[in-house]
Amino acid sequence: MAKGQKTGGRTKGTPNKMTQTAKEAIALAAEQLGGAERLVAWAQEEPQNERVFWGTIYPKLLPLQVTGEDGGPVQIAEIRRIVVDAPKK
């Protein structure tokens, strides 16, 4: 085996069977517990539940890696704020 050459295992992008099975089981349990309507009701029951939803659950839907346009690097623009005295009347 040449150094740096992968010669075994799953090909890139192939889902892990155990991970897929676990995701399916969690999705089934969520549906049987009331699905989206129950999740909304739970989040509305207590203010800390809503904080958990927005701080822990919802971010899992967001991309893990941020990229710029067409997958390129993120462009950062410099923003300057200049305070200018207004002319007195």
N, C-alpha and C. Protein backbone atom coordinates (compact mmCIF):
# COMPACT_ATOMS: atom_id res chain seq x y z
N MET A 1 0.85 -1.17 0.00
CA MET A 1 0.00 0.00 0.00
C MET A 1 0.89 1.23 0.00
N ALA A 2 0.66 2.11 -0.93
CA ALA A 2 1.43 3.34 -1.01
C ALA A 2 0.98 4.31 0.07
N LYS A 3 1.92 5.06 0.59
CA LYS A 3 1.61 6.01 1.65
C LYS A 3 0.60 7.03 1.15
N GLY A 4 -0.47 7.25 1.94
CA GLY A 4 -1.48 8.22 1.56
C GLY A 4 -2.56 7.69 0.63
N GLN A 5 -2.45 6.44 0.21
CA GLN A 5 -3.42 5.82 -0.70
C GLN A 5 -4.40 4.97 0.11
N LYS A 6 -5.69 5.23 -0.06
CA LYS A 6 -6.71 4.44 0.62
C LYS A 6 -6.98 3.20 -0.22
N THR A 7 -6.94 2.02 0.41
CA THR A 7 -7.13 0.79 -0.35
C THR A 7 -8.30 -0.06 0.15
N GLY A 8 -9.01 0.39 1.18
CA GLY A 8 -10.11 -0.41 1.70
C GLY A 8 -11.18 0.46 2.33
N GLY A 9 -12.21 -0.19 2.83
CA GLY A 9 -13.28 0.54 3.51
C GLY A 9 -14.31 1.08 2.53
N ARG A 10 -15.23 1.88 3.07
CA ARG A 10 -16.30 2.46 2.24
C ARG A 10 -15.73 3.51 1.32
N THR A 11 -16.36 3.64 0.17
CA THR A 11 -15.99 4.73 -0.72
C THR A 11 -16.56 6.02 -0.16
N LYS A 12 -15.94 7.13 -0.48
CA LYS A 12 -16.35 8.42 0.04
C LYS A 12 -17.80 8.70 -0.35
N GLY A 13 -18.59 9.15 0.64
CA GLY A 13 -19.99 9.47 0.40
C GLY A 13 -20.96 8.34 0.67
N THR A 14 -20.46 7.12 0.85
CA THR A 14 -21.33 5.99 1.15
C THR A 14 -21.73 6.07 2.62
N PRO A 15 -23.05 6.07 2.92
CA PRO A 15 -23.47 6.21 4.31
C PRO A 15 -23.11 4.99 5.15
N ASN A 16 -22.77 5.22 6.39
CA ASN A 16 -22.50 4.17 7.35
C ASN A 16 -23.84 3.52 7.70
N LYS A 17 -23.96 2.20 7.63
CA LYS A 17 -25.23 1.51 7.87
C LYS A 17 -25.75 1.74 9.29
N MET A 18 -24.86 1.73 10.27
CA MET A 18 -25.29 1.92 11.66
C MET A 18 -25.81 3.35 11.85
N THR A 19 -25.13 4.33 11.28
CA THR A 19 -25.58 5.71 11.39
C THR A 19 -26.93 5.88 10.72
N GLN A 20 -27.10 5.30 9.55
CA GLN A 20 -28.36 5.39 8.83
C GLN A 20 -29.49 4.71 9.61
N THR A 21 -29.23 3.57 10.19
CA THR A 21 -30.23 2.85 10.99
C THR A 21 -30.63 3.67 12.21
N ALA A 22 -29.64 4.27 12.87
CA ALA A 22 -29.93 5.10 14.04
C ALA A 22 -30.77 6.31 13.66
N LYS A 23 -30.45 6.97 12.55
CA LYS A 23 -31.23 8.13 12.09
C LYS A 23 -32.67 7.73 11.79
N GLU A 24 -32.86 6.59 11.16
CA GLU A 24 -34.20 6.12 10.84
C GLU A 24 -35.00 5.83 12.11
N ALA A 25 -34.35 5.21 13.10
CA ALA A 25 -35.03 4.90 14.36
C ALA A 25 -35.43 6.19 15.09
N ILE A 26 -34.54 7.18 15.09
CA ILE A 26 -34.85 8.46 15.76
C ILE A 26 -35.99 9.16 15.03
N ALA A 27 -35.98 9.15 13.70
CA ALA A 27 -37.06 9.78 12.93
C ALA A 27 -38.40 9.09 13.21
N LEU A 28 -38.41 7.77 13.28
CA LEU A 28 -39.63 7.02 13.57
C LEU A 28 -40.14 7.35 14.97
N ALA A 29 -39.24 7.39 15.94
CA ALA A 29 -39.64 7.73 17.31
C ALA A 29 -40.21 9.15 17.37
N ALA A 30 -39.58 10.07 16.66
CA ALA A 30 -40.07 11.46 16.65
C ALA A 30 -41.47 11.55 16.07
N GLU A 31 -41.73 10.81 15.03
CA GLU A 31 -43.09 10.80 14.44
C GLU A 31 -44.10 10.21 15.41
N GLN A 32 -43.73 9.12 16.09
CA GLN A 32 -44.65 8.49 17.02
C GLN A 32 -44.87 9.32 18.28
N LEU A 33 -43.94 10.23 18.57
CA LEU A 33 -44.09 11.12 19.73
C LEU A 33 -44.84 12.40 19.37
N GLY A 34 -45.28 12.52 18.14
CA GLY A 34 -46.08 13.69 17.77
C GLY A 34 -45.49 14.54 16.66
N GLY A 35 -44.31 14.22 16.21
CA GLY A 35 -43.73 14.92 15.07
C GLY A 35 -43.51 16.40 15.32
N ALA A 36 -43.61 17.17 14.25
CA ALA A 36 -43.34 18.60 14.30
C ALA A 36 -44.29 19.33 15.23
N GLU A 37 -45.59 18.93 15.23
CA GLU A 37 -46.56 19.61 16.09
C GLU A 37 -46.19 19.45 17.56
N ARG A 38 -45.75 18.28 17.94
CA ARG A 38 -45.36 18.05 19.34
C ARG A 38 -44.09 18.81 19.68
N LEU A 39 -43.16 18.89 18.74
CA LEU A 39 -41.93 19.65 18.98
C LEU A 39 -42.24 21.12 19.22
N VAL A 40 -43.15 21.67 18.43
CA VAL A 40 -43.57 23.07 18.61
C VAL A 40 -44.23 23.24 19.97
N ALA A 41 -45.13 22.33 20.33
CA ALA A 41 -45.81 22.42 21.63
C ALA A 41 -44.80 22.35 22.76
N TRP A 42 -43.83 21.45 22.66
CA TRP A 42 -42.79 21.33 23.68
C TRP A 42 -41.99 22.62 23.80
N ALA A 43 -41.60 23.19 22.66
CA ALA A 43 -40.79 24.41 22.68
C ALA A 43 -41.57 25.57 23.32
N GLN A 44 -42.89 25.55 23.18
CA GLN A 44 -43.71 26.63 23.72
C GLN A 44 -44.08 26.42 25.19
N GLU A 45 -43.86 25.22 25.73
CA GLU A 45 -44.22 24.93 27.12
C GLU A 45 -43.42 25.75 28.12
N GLU A 46 -42.14 25.91 27.89
CA GLU A 46 -41.24 26.60 28.82
C GLU A 46 -40.25 27.44 28.04
N PRO A 47 -39.88 28.61 28.53
CA PRO A 47 -38.88 29.43 27.83
C PRO A 47 -37.54 28.70 27.63
N GLN A 48 -37.12 27.88 28.60
CA GLN A 48 -35.85 27.17 28.42
C GLN A 48 -35.94 26.13 27.31
N ASN A 49 -37.13 25.57 27.07
CA ASN A 49 -37.29 24.62 25.96
C ASN A 49 -37.05 25.32 24.63
N GLU A 50 -37.57 26.53 24.50
CA GLU A 50 -37.35 27.27 23.25
C GLU A 50 -35.87 27.61 23.08
N ARG A 51 -35.19 27.95 24.18
CA ARG A 51 -33.75 28.21 24.09
C ARG A 51 -33.00 26.96 23.64
N VAL A 52 -33.40 25.79 24.16
CA VAL A 52 -32.77 24.53 23.74
C VAL A 52 -33.01 24.31 22.25
N PHE A 53 -34.24 24.57 21.79
CA PHE A 53 -34.55 24.38 20.38
C PHE A 53 -33.65 25.24 19.51
N TRP A 54 -33.61 26.55 19.80
CA TRP A 54 -32.82 27.47 18.96
C TRP A 54 -31.32 27.29 19.14
N GLY A 55 -30.88 26.92 20.35
CA GLY A 55 -29.45 26.83 20.61
C GLY A 55 -28.83 25.48 20.32
N THR A 56 -29.62 24.41 20.36
CA THR A 56 -29.06 23.07 20.20
C THR A 56 -29.66 22.30 19.02
N ILE A 57 -30.99 22.31 18.92
CA ILE A 57 -31.64 21.49 17.90
C ILE A 57 -31.55 22.14 16.52
N TYR A 58 -31.99 23.38 16.38
CA TYR A 58 -32.02 24.04 15.07
C TYR A 58 -30.65 24.16 14.42
N PRO A 59 -29.58 24.49 15.16
CA PRO A 59 -28.27 24.61 14.51
C PRO A 59 -27.80 23.33 13.83
N LYS A 60 -28.35 22.19 14.21
CA LYS A 60 -27.95 20.94 13.55
C LYS A 60 -28.37 20.90 12.08
N LEU A 61 -29.31 21.78 11.70
CA LEU A 61 -29.73 21.86 10.30
C LEU A 61 -28.82 22.75 9.47
N LEU A 62 -28.03 23.57 10.14
CA LEU A 62 -27.17 24.52 9.44
C LEU A 62 -25.94 23.81 8.89
N PRO A 63 -25.37 24.35 7.82
CA PRO A 63 -24.17 23.72 7.26
C PRO A 63 -23.03 23.71 8.28
N LEU A 64 -22.22 22.68 8.23
CA LEU A 64 -21.11 22.58 9.16
C LEU A 64 -19.92 23.42 8.72
N GLN A 65 -19.83 23.70 7.43
CA GLN A 65 -18.70 24.46 6.92
C GLN A 65 -19.23 25.60 6.07
N VAL A 66 -18.74 26.77 6.33
CA VAL A 66 -19.17 27.94 5.58
C VAL A 66 -18.18 28.18 4.45
N THR A 67 -18.71 28.33 3.24
CA THR A 67 -17.85 28.62 2.09
C THR A 67 -18.39 29.82 1.36
N GLY A 68 -17.57 30.39 0.54
CA GLY A 68 -17.98 31.52 -0.26
C GLY A 68 -18.68 31.08 -1.53
N GLU A 69 -18.84 32.00 -2.45
CA GLU A 69 -19.52 31.74 -3.71
C GLU A 69 -18.82 30.62 -4.48
N ASP A 70 -19.60 29.72 -5.03
CA ASP A 70 -19.11 28.58 -5.82
C ASP A 70 -18.10 27.72 -5.04
N GLY A 71 -18.29 27.63 -3.72
CA GLY A 71 -17.42 26.78 -2.91
C GLY A 71 -16.06 27.39 -2.61
N GLY A 72 -15.82 28.61 -3.04
CA GLY A 72 -14.54 29.27 -2.79
C GLY A 72 -14.44 29.80 -1.38
N PRO A 73 -13.35 30.49 -1.09
CA PRO A 73 -13.18 31.02 0.26
C PRO A 73 -14.17 32.15 0.55
N VAL A 74 -14.44 32.35 1.82
CA VAL A 74 -15.35 33.42 2.24
C VAL A 74 -14.63 34.75 2.04
N GLN A 75 -15.29 35.69 1.39
CA GLN A 75 -14.73 37.02 1.19
C GLN A 75 -15.14 37.90 2.36
N ILE A 76 -14.18 38.54 2.97
CA ILE A 76 -14.46 39.40 4.12
C ILE A 76 -14.26 40.84 3.67
N ALA A 77 -15.31 41.62 3.86
CA ALA A 77 -15.24 43.03 3.50
C ALA A 77 -14.97 43.83 4.77
N GLU A 78 -14.14 44.84 4.65
CA GLU A 78 -13.87 45.71 5.79
C GLU A 78 -14.91 46.82 5.80
N ILE A 79 -15.52 47.00 6.94
CA ILE A 79 -16.53 48.05 7.07
C ILE A 79 -16.00 49.05 8.08
N ARG A 80 -15.98 50.30 7.66
CA ARG A 80 -15.51 51.35 8.57
C ARG A 80 -16.65 52.32 8.82
N ARG A 81 -16.73 52.74 10.05
CA ARG A 81 -17.73 53.74 10.41
C ARG A 81 -16.99 55.00 10.79
N ILE A 82 -17.30 56.07 10.09
CA ILE A 82 -16.64 57.35 10.35
C ILE A 82 -17.71 58.31 10.88
N VAL A 83 -17.46 58.85 12.06
CA VAL A 83 -18.40 59.78 12.65
C VAL A 83 -18.00 61.19 12.22
N VAL A 84 -18.94 61.86 11.60
CA VAL A 84 -18.70 63.22 11.12
C VAL A 84 -19.67 64.14 11.85
N ASP A 85 -19.14 65.23 12.39
CA ASP A 85 -20.00 66.20 13.06
C ASP A 85 -20.91 66.86 12.04
N ALA A 86 -22.18 66.91 12.37
CA ALA A 86 -23.15 67.57 11.48
C ALA A 86 -22.98 69.08 11.58
N PRO A 87 -23.14 69.79 10.46
CA PRO A 87 -23.00 71.25 10.51
C PRO A 87 -24.07 71.85 11.39
N LYS A 88 -23.69 72.82 12.18
CA LYS A 88 -24.64 73.48 13.08
C LYS A 88 -25.40 74.55 12.34
N LYS A 89 -26.67 74.68 12.63
CA LYS A 89 -27.52 75.67 11.96
C LYS A 89 -27.54 76.97 12.69
